[in-house]
Amino acid sequence: MLSKRIRNMTPSSTVALTGKVGELKRQGVDIISFNTGEPDFNTPENINKEAIKAINQGFTKYTAVAGILELREAICEKLMSDNGVKYKPSQITVGTGAKQSLANAILTVCDDGDEIIVPTPC
């Protein structure tokens, strides 16, 4: 038996829109997609090379739940230099995307029965 949460789950609107955009592009429609955070260009070559280098060096295991410490330290440095705000790495969490991060935040502060107001479009 599946959980009530899963039985009540509906497909992601952004994923459905991504499929529709892909379909329109295959039909030759010139379309600009604003539905997902995907850029309209390939990953830059310098990032590809560093990713391959990391894989070849065996950097292929799970990381800390909050994210790689060095990355969180770099984020702290960026926030200080660009925004003038000071954080410690322990106050930074790195996620795989906005949906995961938002879901984690909502599940952290909301309980069953709580009302959540989400303005749309969102």
PDB file of N, CA and C in Angstrom:
ATOM      1  N   MET A   1       0.844  -1.186   0.000  1.00  0.00           N
ATOM      2  CA  MET A   1       0.000   0.000   0.000  1.00  0.00           C
ATOM      3  C   MET A   1       0.889   1.249   0.000  1.00  0.00           C
ATOM      4  N   LEU A   2       0.573   2.185  -0.817  1.00  0.00           N
ATOM      5  CA  LEU A   2       1.321   3.436  -0.885  1.00  0.00           C
ATOM      6  C   LEU A   2       0.807   4.412   0.164  1.00  0.00           C
ATOM      7  N   SER A   3       1.683   5.318   0.583  1.00  0.00           N
ATOM      8  CA  SER A   3       1.303   6.316   1.582  1.00  0.00           C
ATOM      9  C   SER A   3       0.276   7.288   1.004  1.00  0.00           C
ATOM     10  N   LYS A   4      -0.478   7.910   1.891  1.00  0.00           N
ATOM     11  CA  LYS A   4      -1.477   8.911   1.493  1.00  0.00           C
ATOM     12  C   LYS A   4      -0.802  10.052   0.736  1.00  0.00           C
ATOM     13  N   ARG A   5       0.388  10.451   1.209  1.00  0.00           N
ATOM     14  CA  ARG A   5       1.117  11.551   0.561  1.00  0.00           C
ATOM     15  C   ARG A   5       1.400  11.222  -0.902  1.00  0.00           C
ATOM     16  N   ILE A   6       1.849  10.002  -1.166  1.00  0.00           N
ATOM     17  CA  ILE A   6       2.176   9.614  -2.538  1.00  0.00           C
ATOM     18  C   ILE A   6       0.904   9.463  -3.377  1.00  0.00           C
ATOM     19  N   ARG A   7      -0.143   8.897  -2.791  1.00  0.00           N
ATOM     20  CA  ARG A   7      -1.399   8.724  -3.536  1.00  0.00           C
ATOM     21  C   ARG A   7      -2.007  10.072  -3.925  1.00  0.00           C
ATOM     22  N   ASN A   8      -1.747  11.111  -3.155  1.00  0.00           N
ATOM     23  CA  ASN A   8      -2.291  12.436  -3.450  1.00  0.00           C
ATOM     24  C   ASN A   8      -1.352  13.310  -4.275  1.00  0.00           C
ATOM     25  N   MET A   9      -0.172  12.805  -4.581  1.00  0.00           N
ATOM     26  CA  MET A   9       0.827  13.582  -5.309  1.00  0.00           C
ATOM     27  C   MET A   9       0.430  13.728  -6.775  1.00  0.00           C
ATOM     28  N   THR A  10       0.658  14.917  -7.305  1.00  0.00           N
ATOM     29  CA  THR A  10       0.404  15.174  -8.718  1.00  0.00           C
ATOM     30  C   THR A  10       1.730  15.446  -9.414  1.00  0.00           C
ATOM     31  N   PRO A  11       1.784  15.229 -10.721  1.00  0.00           N
ATOM     32  CA  PRO A  11       3.035  15.481 -11.445  1.00  0.00           C
ATOM     33  C   PRO A  11       3.455  16.948 -11.326  1.00  0.00           C
ATOM     34  N   SER A  12       4.735  17.182 -11.405  1.00  0.00           N
ATOM     35  CA  SER A  12       5.291  18.527 -11.343  1.00  0.00           C
ATOM     36  C   SER A  12       4.869  19.335 -12.570  1.00  0.00           C
ATOM     37  N   SER A  13       4.342  20.523 -12.330  1.00  0.00           N
ATOM     38  CA  SER A  13       3.947  21.404 -13.434  1.00  0.00           C
ATOM     39  C   SER A  13       5.150  21.816 -14.267  1.00  0.00           C
ATOM     40  N   THR A  14       6.285  22.066 -13.604  1.00  0.00           N
ATOM     41  CA  THR A  14       7.472  22.488 -14.359  1.00  0.00           C
ATOM     42  C   THR A  14       7.981  21.362 -15.244  1.00  0.00           C
ATOM     43  N   VAL A  15       7.901  20.124 -14.761  1.00  0.00           N
ATOM     44  CA  VAL A  15       8.334  18.994 -15.585  1.00  0.00           C
ATOM     45  C   VAL A  15       7.379  18.821 -16.770  1.00  0.00           C
ATOM     46  N   ALA A  16       6.081  18.978 -16.535  1.00  0.00           N
ATOM     47  CA  ALA A  16       5.108  18.885 -17.625  1.00  0.00           C
ATOM     48  C   ALA A  16       5.368  19.975 -18.664  1.00  0.00           C
ATOM     49  N   LEU A  17       5.657  21.187 -18.197  1.00  0.00           N
ATOM     50  CA  LEU A  17       5.954  22.281 -19.122  1.00  0.00           C
ATOM     51  C   LEU A  17       7.235  22.021 -19.910  1.00  0.00           C
ATOM     52  N   THR A  18       8.214  21.417 -19.267  1.00  0.00           N
ATOM     53  CA  THR A  18       9.463  21.088 -19.957  1.00  0.00           C
ATOM     54  C   THR A  18       9.173  20.148 -21.120  1.00  0.00           C
ATOM     55  N   GLY A  19       8.303  19.165 -20.883  1.00  0.00           N
ATOM     56  CA  GLY A  19       7.914  18.260 -21.960  1.00  0.00           C
ATOM     57  C   GLY A  19       7.212  18.986 -23.090  1.00  0.00           C
ATOM     58  N   LYS A  20       6.319  19.909 -22.743  1.00  0.00           N
ATOM     59  CA  LYS A  20       5.587  20.683 -23.747  1.00  0.00           C
ATOM     60  C   LYS A  20       6.535  21.578 -24.549  1.00  0.00           C
ATOM     61  N   VAL A  21       7.483  22.221 -23.869  1.00  0.00           N
ATOM     62  CA  VAL A  21       8.466  23.071 -24.554  1.00  0.00           C
ATOM     63  C   VAL A  21       9.290  22.233 -25.521  1.00  0.00           C
ATOM     64  N   GLY A  22       9.731  21.052 -25.067  1.00  0.00           N
ATOM     65  CA  GLY A  22      10.500  20.161 -25.941  1.00  0.00           C
ATOM     66  C   GLY A  22       9.714  19.759 -27.178  1.00  0.00           C
ATOM     67  N   GLU A  23       8.431  19.456 -26.975  1.00  0.00           N
ATOM     68  CA  GLU A  23       7.552  19.086 -28.087  1.00  0.00           C
ATOM     69  C   GLU A  23       7.436  20.235 -29.085  1.00  0.00           C
ATOM     70  N   LEU A  24       7.233  21.453 -28.587  1.00  0.00           N
ATOM     71  CA  LEU A  24       7.119  22.620 -29.466  1.00  0.00           C
ATOM     72  C   LEU A  24       8.418  22.884 -30.224  1.00  0.00           C
ATOM     73  N   LYS A  25       9.552  22.729 -29.538  1.00  0.00           N
ATOM     74  CA  LYS A  25      10.851  22.934 -30.211  1.00  0.00           C
ATOM     75  C   LYS A  25      11.049  21.915 -31.323  1.00  0.00           C
ATOM     76  N   ARG A  26      10.644  20.649 -31.081  1.00  0.00           N
ATOM     77  CA  ARG A  26      10.765  19.618 -32.124  1.00  0.00           C
ATOM     78  C   ARG A  26       9.888  19.945 -33.326  1.00  0.00           C
ATOM     79  N   GLN A  27       8.818  20.685 -33.097  1.00  0.00           N
ATOM     80  CA  GLN A  27       7.926  21.106 -34.187  1.00  0.00           C
ATOM     81  C   GLN A  27       8.451  22.355 -34.895  1.00  0.00           C
ATOM     82  N   GLY A  28       9.599  22.868 -34.427  1.00  0.00           N
ATOM     83  CA  GLY A  28      10.195  24.036 -35.062  1.00  0.00           C
ATOM     84  C   GLY A  28       9.736  25.368 -34.508  1.00  0.00           C
ATOM     85  N   VAL A  29       8.991  25.345 -33.412  1.00  0.00           N
ATOM     86  CA  VAL A  29       8.518  26.594 -32.810  1.00  0.00           C
ATOM     87  C   VAL A  29       9.687  27.256 -32.089  1.00  0.00           C
ATOM     88  N   ASP A  30       9.900  28.537 -32.374  1.00  0.00           N
ATOM     89  CA  ASP A  30      10.942  29.312 -31.685  1.00  0.00           C
ATOM     90  C   ASP A  30      10.371  29.735 -30.334  1.00  0.00           C
ATOM     91  N   ILE A  31      10.831  29.115 -29.271  1.00  0.00           N
ATOM     92  CA  ILE A  31      10.236  29.322 -27.962  1.00  0.00           C
ATOM     93  C   ILE A  31      11.316  29.571 -26.920  1.00  0.00           C
ATOM     94  N   ILE A  32      11.016  30.462 -26.008  1.00  0.00           N
ATOM     95  CA  ILE A  32      11.895  30.724 -24.874  1.00  0.00           C
ATOM     96  C   ILE A  32      11.214  30.143 -23.646  1.00  0.00           C
ATOM     97  N   SER A  33      11.904  29.262 -22.951  1.00  0.00           N
ATOM     98  CA  SER A  33      11.323  28.578 -21.799  1.00  0.00           C
ATOM     99  C   SER A  33      11.743  29.254 -20.503  1.00  0.00           C
ATOM    100  N   PHE A  34      10.764  29.624 -19.690  1.00  0.00           N
ATOM    101  CA  PHE A  34      11.025  30.218 -18.380  1.00  0.00           C
ATOM    102  C   PHE A  34      10.567  29.307 -17.243  1.00  0.00           C
ATOM    103  N   ASN A  35      10.306  28.038 -17.543  1.00  0.00           N
ATOM    104  CA  ASN A  35       9.692  27.172 -16.543  1.00  0.00           C
ATOM    105  C   ASN A  35      10.669  26.438 -15.635  1.00  0.00           C
ATOM    106  N   THR A  36      11.871  26.190 -16.046  1.00  0.00           N
ATOM    107  CA  THR A  36      12.852  25.521 -15.181  1.00  0.00           C
ATOM    108  C   THR A  36      14.119  26.353 -15.118  1.00  0.00           C
ATOM    109  N   GLY A  37      14.984  25.989 -14.206  1.00  0.00           N
ATOM    110  CA  GLY A  37      16.233  26.715 -14.035  1.00  0.00           C
ATOM    111  C   GLY A  37      17.343  26.251 -14.958  1.00  0.00           C
ATOM    112  N   GLU A  38      17.006  25.520 -15.997  1.00  0.00           N
ATOM    113  CA  GLU A  38      18.011  25.021 -16.928  1.00  0.00           C
ATOM    114  C   GLU A  38      18.470  26.136 -17.858  1.00  0.00           C
ATOM    115  N   PRO A  39      19.777  26.326 -17.994  1.00  0.00           N
ATOM    116  CA  PRO A  39      20.252  27.317 -18.963  1.00  0.00           C
ATOM    117  C   PRO A  39      20.056  26.795 -20.382  1.00  0.00           C
ATOM    118  N   ASP A  40      20.082  27.693 -21.342  1.00  0.00           N
ATOM    119  CA  ASP A  40      19.923  27.291 -22.740  1.00  0.00           C
ATOM    120  C   ASP A  40      21.272  27.103 -23.432  1.00  0.00           C
ATOM    121  N   PHE A  41      22.292  26.788 -22.656  1.00  0.00           N
ATOM    122  CA  PHE A  41      23.623  26.541 -23.205  1.00  0.00           C
ATOM    123  C   PHE A  41      24.233  25.353 -22.468  1.00  0.00           C
ATOM    124  N   ASN A  42      25.216  24.734 -23.099  1.00  0.00           N
ATOM    125  CA  ASN A  42      25.892  23.594 -22.484  1.00  0.00           C
ATOM    126  C   ASN A  42      26.766  24.052 -21.322  1.00  0.00           C
ATOM    127  N   THR A  43      27.093  23.121 -20.450  1.00  0.00           N
ATOM    128  CA  THR A  43      27.994  23.410 -19.339  1.00  0.00           C
ATOM    129  C   THR A  43      29.325  23.891 -19.913  1.00  0.00           C
ATOM    130  N   PRO A  44      29.878  24.993 -19.386  1.00  0.00           N
ATOM    131  CA  PRO A  44      31.153  25.499 -19.900  1.00  0.00           C
ATOM    132  C   PRO A  44      32.264  24.447 -19.809  1.00  0.00           C
ATOM    133  N   GLU A  45      33.158  24.484 -20.795  1.00  0.00           N
ATOM    134  CA  GLU A  45      34.217  23.464 -20.918  1.00  0.00           C
ATOM    135  C   GLU A  45      35.103  23.379 -19.672  1.00  0.00           C
ATOM    136  N   ASN A  46      35.427  24.523 -19.036  1.00  0.00           N
ATOM    137  CA  ASN A  46      36.278  24.476 -17.848  1.00  0.00           C
ATOM    138  C   ASN A  46      35.609  23.696 -16.717  1.00  0.00           C
ATOM    139  N   ILE A  47      34.290  23.781 -16.604  1.00  0.00           N
ATOM    140  CA  ILE A  47      33.566  23.026 -15.582  1.00  0.00           C
ATOM    141  C   ILE A  47      33.553  21.547 -15.950  1.00  0.00           C
ATOM    142  N   ASN A  48      33.330  21.233 -17.228  1.00  0.00           N
ATOM    143  CA  ASN A  48      33.381  19.842 -17.674  1.00  0.00           C
ATOM    144  C   ASN A  48      34.723  19.206 -17.329  1.00  0.00           C
ATOM    145  N   LYS A  49      35.807  19.927 -17.629  1.00  0.00           N
ATOM    146  CA  LYS A  49      37.148  19.388 -17.366  1.00  0.00           C
ATOM    147  C   LYS A  49      37.371  19.141 -15.878  1.00  0.00           C
ATOM    148  N   GLU A  50      36.932  20.080 -15.031  1.00  0.00           N
ATOM    149  CA  GLU A  50      37.105  19.906 -13.588  1.00  0.00           C
ATOM    150  C   GLU A  50      36.254  18.753 -13.064  1.00  0.00           C
ATOM    151  N   ALA A  51      35.061  18.576 -13.627  1.00  0.00           N
ATOM    152  CA  ALA A  51      34.205  17.463 -13.208  1.00  0.00           C
ATOM    153  C   ALA A  51      34.842  16.127 -13.582  1.00  0.00           C
ATOM    154  N   ILE A  52      35.378  16.033 -14.792  1.00  0.00           N
ATOM    155  CA  ILE A  52      36.061  14.809 -15.223  1.00  0.00           C
ATOM    156  C   ILE A  52      37.289  14.553 -14.365  1.00  0.00           C
ATOM    157  N   LYS A  53      38.037  15.615 -14.061  1.00  0.00           N
ATOM    158  CA  LYS A  53      39.209  15.497 -13.200  1.00  0.00           C
ATOM    159  C   LYS A  53      38.816  14.955 -11.820  1.00  0.00           C
ATOM    160  N   ALA A  54      37.744  15.482 -11.265  1.00  0.00           N
ATOM    161  CA  ALA A  54      37.280  15.030  -9.952  1.00  0.00           C
ATOM    162  C   ALA A  54      36.889  13.551  -9.992  1.00  0.00           C
ATOM    163  N   ILE A  55      36.180  13.147 -11.036  1.00  0.00           N
ATOM    164  CA  ILE A  55      35.799  11.737 -11.179  1.00  0.00           C
ATOM    165  C   ILE A  55      37.036  10.861 -11.280  1.00  0.00           C
ATOM    166  N   ASN A  56      37.996  11.276 -12.098  1.00  0.00           N
ATOM    167  CA  ASN A  56      39.229  10.496 -12.264  1.00  0.00           C
ATOM    168  C   ASN A  56      40.047  10.414 -10.977  1.00  0.00           C
ATOM    169  N   GLN A  57      39.889  11.402 -10.098  1.00  0.00           N
ATOM    170  CA  GLN A  57      40.588  11.394  -8.814  1.00  0.00           C
ATOM    171  C   GLN A  57      39.802  10.646  -7.735  1.00  0.00           C
ATOM    172  N   GLY A  58      38.668  10.038  -8.131  1.00  0.00           N
ATOM    173  CA  GLY A  58      37.898   9.231  -7.195  1.00  0.00           C
ATOM    174  C   GLY A  58      36.908  10.006  -6.353  1.00  0.00           C
ATOM    175  N   PHE A  59      36.635  11.241  -6.719  1.00  0.00           N
ATOM    176  CA  PHE A  59      35.677  12.057  -5.968  1.00  0.00           C
ATOM    177  C   PHE A  59      34.277  11.673  -6.437  1.00  0.00           C
ATOM    178  N   THR A  60      33.854  10.477  -6.044  1.00  0.00           N
ATOM    179  CA  THR A  60      32.597   9.918  -6.545  1.00  0.00           C
ATOM    180  C   THR A  60      31.704   9.390  -5.429  1.00  0.00           C
ATOM    181  N   LYS A  61      32.021   9.706  -4.199  1.00  0.00           N
ATOM    182  CA  LYS A  61      31.258   9.190  -3.062  1.00  0.00           C
ATOM    183  C   LYS A  61      30.267  10.226  -2.556  1.00  0.00           C
ATOM    184  N   TYR A  62      29.393   9.769  -1.679  1.00  0.00           N
ATOM    185  CA  TYR A  62      28.462  10.697  -1.051  1.00  0.00           C
ATOM    186  C   TYR A  62      29.228  11.765  -0.281  1.00  0.00           C
ATOM    187  N   THR A  63      28.642  12.945  -0.220  1.00  0.00           N
ATOM    188  CA  THR A  63      29.229  14.029   0.562  1.00  0.00           C
ATOM    189  C   THR A  63      28.419  14.216   1.841  1.00  0.00           C
ATOM    190  N   ALA A  64      28.855  15.134   2.669  1.00  0.00           N
ATOM    191  CA  ALA A  64      28.089  15.473   3.869  1.00  0.00           C
ATOM    192  C   ALA A  64      26.705  15.966   3.444  1.00  0.00           C
ATOM    193  N   VAL A  65      25.710  15.726   4.261  1.00  0.00           N
ATOM    194  CA  VAL A  65      24.340  16.110   3.930  1.00  0.00           C
ATOM    195  C   VAL A  65      24.250  17.607   3.627  1.00  0.00           C
ATOM    196  N   ALA A  66      24.943  18.424   4.388  1.00  0.00           N
ATOM    197  CA  ALA A  66      24.891  19.880   4.192  1.00  0.00           C
ATOM    198  C   ALA A  66      25.693  20.329   2.979  1.00  0.00           C
ATOM    199  N   GLY A  67      26.490  19.455   2.404  1.00  0.00           N
ATOM    200  CA  GLY A  67      27.331  19.819   1.266  1.00  0.00           C
ATOM    201  C   GLY A  67      28.798  19.763   1.626  1.00  0.00           C
ATOM    202  N   ILE A  68      29.641  19.809   0.643  1.00  0.00           N
ATOM    203  CA  ILE A  68      31.089  19.738   0.815  1.00  0.00           C
ATOM    204  C   ILE A  68      31.560  20.958   1.609  1.00  0.00           C
ATOM    205  N   LEU A  69      32.347  20.715   2.646  1.00  0.00           N
ATOM    206  CA  LEU A  69      32.805  21.800   3.516  1.00  0.00           C
ATOM    207  C   LEU A  69      33.501  22.905   2.733  1.00  0.00           C
ATOM    208  N   GLU A  70      34.400  22.548   1.821  1.00  0.00           N
ATOM    209  CA  GLU A  70      35.123  23.563   1.054  1.00  0.00           C
ATOM    210  C   GLU A  70      34.170  24.422   0.224  1.00  0.00           C
ATOM    211  N   LEU A  71      33.116  23.825  -0.283  1.00  0.00           N
ATOM    212  CA  LEU A  71      32.125  24.587  -1.046  1.00  0.00           C
ATOM    213  C   LEU A  71      31.382  25.544  -0.127  1.00  0.00           C
ATOM    214  N   ARG A  72      30.986  25.073   1.043  1.00  0.00           N
ATOM    215  CA  ARG A  72      30.279  25.944   1.992  1.00  0.00           C
ATOM    216  C   ARG A  72      31.185  27.069   2.467  1.00  0.00           C
ATOM    217  N   GLU A  73      32.493  26.793   2.634  1.00  0.00           N
ATOM    218  CA  GLU A  73      33.444  27.859   2.988  1.00  0.00           C
ATOM    219  C   GLU A  73      33.540  28.887   1.866  1.00  0.00           C
ATOM    220  N   ALA A  74      33.573  28.409   0.619  1.00  0.00           N
ATOM    221  CA  ALA A  74      33.646  29.321  -0.528  1.00  0.00           C
ATOM    222  C   ALA A  74      32.377  30.169  -0.627  1.00  0.00           C
ATOM    223  N   ILE A  75      31.236  29.580  -0.318  1.00  0.00           N
ATOM    224  CA  ILE A  75      29.979  30.340  -0.327  1.00  0.00           C
ATOM    225  C   ILE A  75      30.022  31.430   0.738  1.00  0.00           C
ATOM    226  N   CYS A  76      30.553  31.109   1.917  1.00  0.00           N
ATOM    227  CA  CYS A  76      30.689  32.114   2.979  1.00  0.00           C
ATOM    228  C   CYS A  76      31.571  33.267   2.522  1.00  0.00           C
ATOM    229  N   GLU A  77      32.688  32.941   1.860  1.00  0.00           N
ATOM    230  CA  GLU A  77      33.591  33.977   1.356  1.00  0.00           C
ATOM    231  C   GLU A  77      32.887  34.845   0.311  1.00  0.00           C
ATOM    232  N   LYS A  78      32.135  34.219  -0.580  1.00  0.00           N
ATOM    233  CA  LYS A  78      31.390  34.954  -1.616  1.00  0.00           C
ATOM    234  C   LYS A  78      30.378  35.888  -0.976  1.00  0.00           C
ATOM    235  N   LEU A  79      29.631  35.374  -0.004  1.00  0.00           N
ATOM    236  CA  LEU A  79      28.617  36.198   0.647  1.00  0.00           C
ATOM    237  C   LEU A  79      29.235  37.394   1.358  1.00  0.00           C
ATOM    238  N   MET A  80      30.400  37.210   1.944  1.00  0.00           N
ATOM    239  CA  MET A  80      31.078  38.315   2.628  1.00  0.00           C
ATOM    240  C   MET A  80      31.600  39.329   1.616  1.00  0.00           C
ATOM    241  N   SER A  81      32.293  38.854   0.577  1.00  0.00           N
ATOM    242  CA  SER A  81      32.906  39.787  -0.370  1.00  0.00           C
ATOM    243  C   SER A  81      31.880  40.480  -1.264  1.00  0.00           C
ATOM    244  N   ASP A  82      30.850  39.774  -1.692  1.00  0.00           N
ATOM    245  CA  ASP A  82      29.881  40.360  -2.617  1.00  0.00           C
ATOM    246  C   ASP A  82      28.695  41.030  -1.929  1.00  0.00           C
ATOM    247  N   ASN A  83      28.322  40.506  -0.756  1.00  0.00           N
ATOM    248  CA  ASN A  83      27.096  40.980  -0.117  1.00  0.00           C
ATOM    249  C   ASN A  83      27.307  41.595   1.258  1.00  0.00           C
ATOM    250  N   GLY A  84      28.532  41.470   1.794  1.00  0.00           N
ATOM    251  CA  GLY A  84      28.830  42.052   3.093  1.00  0.00           C
ATOM    252  C   GLY A  84      28.120  41.371   4.256  1.00  0.00           C
ATOM    253  N   VAL A  85      27.751  40.106   4.084  1.00  0.00           N
ATOM    254  CA  VAL A  85      27.105  39.365   5.170  1.00  0.00           C
ATOM    255  C   VAL A  85      28.000  38.200   5.587  1.00  0.00           C
ATOM    256  N   LYS A  86      28.041  37.968   6.900  1.00  0.00           N
ATOM    257  CA  LYS A  86      28.948  36.960   7.430  1.00  0.00           C
ATOM    258  C   LYS A  86      28.168  35.733   7.907  1.00  0.00           C
ATOM    259  N   TYR A  87      28.555  34.595   7.389  1.00  0.00           N
ATOM    260  CA  TYR A  87      27.998  33.312   7.809  1.00  0.00           C
ATOM    261  C   TYR A  87      29.127  32.339   8.072  1.00  0.00           C
ATOM    262  N   LYS A  88      28.845  31.340   8.883  1.00  0.00           N
ATOM    263  CA  LYS A  88      29.779  30.241   9.119  1.00  0.00           C
ATOM    264  C   LYS A  88      29.356  29.083   8.219  1.00  0.00           C
ATOM    265  N   PRO A  89      30.288  28.233   7.827  1.00  0.00           N
ATOM    266  CA  PRO A  89      29.917  27.078   7.000  1.00  0.00           C
ATOM    267  C   PRO A  89      28.803  26.225   7.627  1.00  0.00           C
ATOM    268  N   SER A  90      28.740  26.189   8.946  1.00  0.00           N
ATOM    269  CA  SER A  90      27.689  25.414   9.612  1.00  0.00           C
ATOM    270  C   SER A  90      26.300  26.016   9.398  1.00  0.00           C
ATOM    271  N   GLN A  91      26.248  27.258   8.904  1.00  0.00           N
ATOM    272  CA  GLN A  91      24.969  27.917   8.632  1.00  0.00           C
ATOM    273  C   GLN A  91      24.567  27.824   7.163  1.00  0.00           C
ATOM    274  N   ILE A  92      25.366  27.141   6.371  1.00  0.00           N
ATOM    275  CA  ILE A  92      25.139  27.014   4.931  1.00  0.00           C
ATOM    276  C   ILE A  92      24.784  25.569   4.603  1.00  0.00           C
ATOM    277  N   THR A  93      23.772  25.392   3.773  1.00  0.00           N
ATOM    278  CA  THR A  93      23.409  24.076   3.263  1.00  0.00           C
ATOM    279  C   THR A  93      23.355  24.154   1.752  1.00  0.00           C
ATOM    280  N   VAL A  94      23.921  23.166   1.089  1.00  0.00           N
ATOM    281  CA  VAL A  94      23.923  23.100  -0.367  1.00  0.00           C
ATOM    282  C   VAL A  94      22.951  22.007  -0.790  1.00  0.00           C
ATOM    283  N   GLY A  95      22.060  22.323  -1.714  1.00  0.00           N
ATOM    284  CA  GLY A  95      21.094  21.342  -2.198  1.00  0.00           C
ATOM    285  C   GLY A  95      21.278  21.081  -3.676  1.00  0.00           C
ATOM    286  N   THR A  96      20.527  20.125  -4.187  1.00  0.00           N
ATOM    287  CA  THR A  96      20.635  19.763  -5.600  1.00  0.00           C
ATOM    288  C   THR A  96      19.736  20.609  -6.484  1.00  0.00           C
ATOM    289  N   GLY A  97      18.947  21.474  -5.883  1.00  0.00           N
ATOM    290  CA  GLY A  97      18.076  22.332  -6.670  1.00  0.00           C
ATOM    291  C   GLY A  97      17.047  23.000  -5.783  1.00  0.00           C
ATOM    292  N   ALA A  98      16.302  23.916  -6.369  1.00  0.00           N
ATOM    293  CA  ALA A  98      15.333  24.688  -5.598  1.00  0.00           C
ATOM    294  C   ALA A  98      14.226  23.819  -5.025  1.00  0.00           C
ATOM    295  N   LYS A  99      13.721  22.851  -5.806  1.00  0.00           N
ATOM    296  CA  LYS A  99      12.622  22.018  -5.311  1.00  0.00           C
ATOM    297  C   LYS A  99      13.032  21.264  -4.057  1.00  0.00           C
ATOM    298  N   GLN A 100      14.220  20.658  -4.080  1.00  0.00           N
ATOM    299  CA  GLN A 100      14.674  19.919  -2.909  1.00  0.00           C
ATOM    300  C   GLN A 100      14.836  20.857  -1.719  1.00  0.00           C
ATOM    301  N   SER A 101      15.462  21.995  -1.938  1.00  0.00           N
ATOM    302  CA  SER A 101      15.705  22.928  -0.845  1.00  0.00           C
ATOM    303  C   SER A 101      14.404  23.479  -0.266  1.00  0.00           C
ATOM    304  N   LEU A 102      13.456  23.830  -1.131  1.00  0.00           N
ATOM    305  CA  LEU A 102      12.165  24.327  -0.656  1.00  0.00           C
ATOM    306  C   LEU A 102      11.390  23.237   0.083  1.00  0.00           C
ATOM    307  N   ALA A 103      11.404  22.020  -0.447  1.00  0.00           N
ATOM    308  CA  ALA A 103      10.715  20.916   0.231  1.00  0.00           C
ATOM    309  C   ALA A 103      11.323  20.670   1.607  1.00  0.00           C
ATOM    310  N   ASN A 104      12.655  20.682   1.689  1.00  0.00           N
ATOM    311  CA  ASN A 104      13.315  20.497   2.985  1.00  0.00           C
ATOM    312  C   ASN A 104      12.911  21.590   3.968  1.00  0.00           C
ATOM    313  N   ALA A 105      12.882  22.844   3.499  1.00  0.00           N
ATOM    314  CA  ALA A 105      12.527  23.961   4.372  1.00  0.00           C
ATOM    315  C   ALA A 105      11.088  23.846   4.858  1.00  0.00           C
ATOM    316  N   ILE A 106      10.175  23.531   3.949  1.00  0.00           N
ATOM    317  CA  ILE A 106       8.760  23.414   4.330  1.00  0.00           C
ATOM    318  C   ILE A 106       8.559  22.254   5.296  1.00  0.00           C
ATOM    319  N   LEU A 107       9.173  21.107   5.016  1.00  0.00           N
ATOM    320  CA  LEU A 107       9.037  19.954   5.911  1.00  0.00           C
ATOM    321  C   LEU A 107       9.670  20.222   7.275  1.00  0.00           C
ATOM    322  N   THR A 108      10.623  21.156   7.323  1.00  0.00           N
ATOM    323  CA  THR A 108      11.278  21.494   8.583  1.00  0.00           C
ATOM    324  C   THR A 108      10.387  22.344   9.475  1.00  0.00           C
ATOM    325  N   VAL A 109       9.622  23.250   8.886  1.00  0.00           N
ATOM    326  CA  VAL A 109       8.861  24.205   9.704  1.00  0.00           C
ATOM    327  C   VAL A 109       7.355  23.968   9.730  1.00  0.00           C
ATOM    328  N   CYS A 110       6.849  23.072   8.894  1.00  0.00           N
ATOM    329  CA  CYS A 110       5.405  22.852   8.834  1.00  0.00           C
ATOM    330  C   CYS A 110       5.036  21.455   9.305  1.00  0.00           C
ATOM    331  N   ASP A 111       3.883  21.363   9.953  1.00  0.00           N
ATOM    332  CA  ASP A 111       3.350  20.088  10.423  1.00  0.00           C
ATOM    333  C   ASP A 111       2.064  19.767   9.683  1.00  0.00           C
ATOM    334  N   ASP A 112       1.619  18.513   9.798  1.00  0.00           N
ATOM    335  CA  ASP A 112       0.324  18.130   9.238  1.00  0.00           C
ATOM    336  C   ASP A 112      -0.735  19.086   9.775  1.00  0.00           C
ATOM    337  N   GLY A 113      -1.594  19.559   8.881  1.00  0.00           N
ATOM    338  CA  GLY A 113      -2.662  20.459   9.283  1.00  0.00           C
ATOM    339  C   GLY A 113      -2.309  21.929   9.172  1.00  0.00           C
ATOM    340  N   ASP A 114      -1.029  22.266   9.052  1.00  0.00           N
ATOM    341  CA  ASP A 114      -0.638  23.666   8.875  1.00  0.00           C
ATOM    342  C   ASP A 114      -1.102  24.149   7.499  1.00  0.00           C
ATOM    343  N   GLU A 115      -1.454  25.415   7.424  1.00  0.00           N
ATOM    344  CA  GLU A 115      -1.872  26.001   6.156  1.00  0.00           C
ATOM    345  C   GLU A 115      -0.684  26.700   5.527  1.00  0.00           C
ATOM    346  N   ILE A 116      -0.467  26.421   4.258  1.00  0.00           N
ATOM    347  CA  ILE A 116       0.619  27.048   3.504  1.00  0.00           C
ATOM    348  C   ILE A 116      -0.010  27.767   2.335  1.00  0.00           C
ATOM    349  N   ILE A 117       0.264  29.043   2.200  1.00  0.00           N
ATOM    350  CA  ILE A 117      -0.287  29.828   1.095  1.00  0.00           C
ATOM    351  C   ILE A 117       0.823  30.012   0.077  1.00  0.00           C
ATOM    352  N   VAL A 118       0.558  29.555  -1.142  1.00  0.00           N
ATOM    353  CA  VAL A 118       1.528  29.658  -2.221  1.00  0.00           C
ATOM    354  C   VAL A 118       0.913  30.493  -3.331  1.00  0.00           C
ATOM    355  N   PRO A 119       1.427  31.710  -3.533  1.00  0.00           N
ATOM    356  CA  PRO A 119       0.880  32.536  -4.611  1.00  0.00           C
ATOM    357  C   PRO A 119       1.271  31.935  -5.966  1.00  0.00           C
ATOM    358  N   THR A 120       0.392  32.054  -6.931  1.00  0.00           N
ATOM    359  CA  THR A 120       0.705  31.548  -8.256  1.00  0.00           C
ATOM    360  C   THR A 120       0.528  32.663  -9.283  1.00  0.00           C
ATOM    361  N   PRO A 121       1.278  32.720 -10.351  1.00  0.00           N
ATOM    362  CA  PRO A 121       2.288  31.706 -10.648  1.00  0.00           C
ATOM    363  C   PRO A 121       3.448  31.806  -9.664  1.00  0.00           C
ATOM    364  N   CYS A 122       4.070  30.684  -9.463  1.00  0.00           N
ATOM    365  CA  CYS A 122       5.183  30.642  -8.508  1.00  0.00           C
ATOM    366  C   CYS A 122       6.394  29.989  -9.133  1.00  0.00           C
TER     367      CYS A 122
END
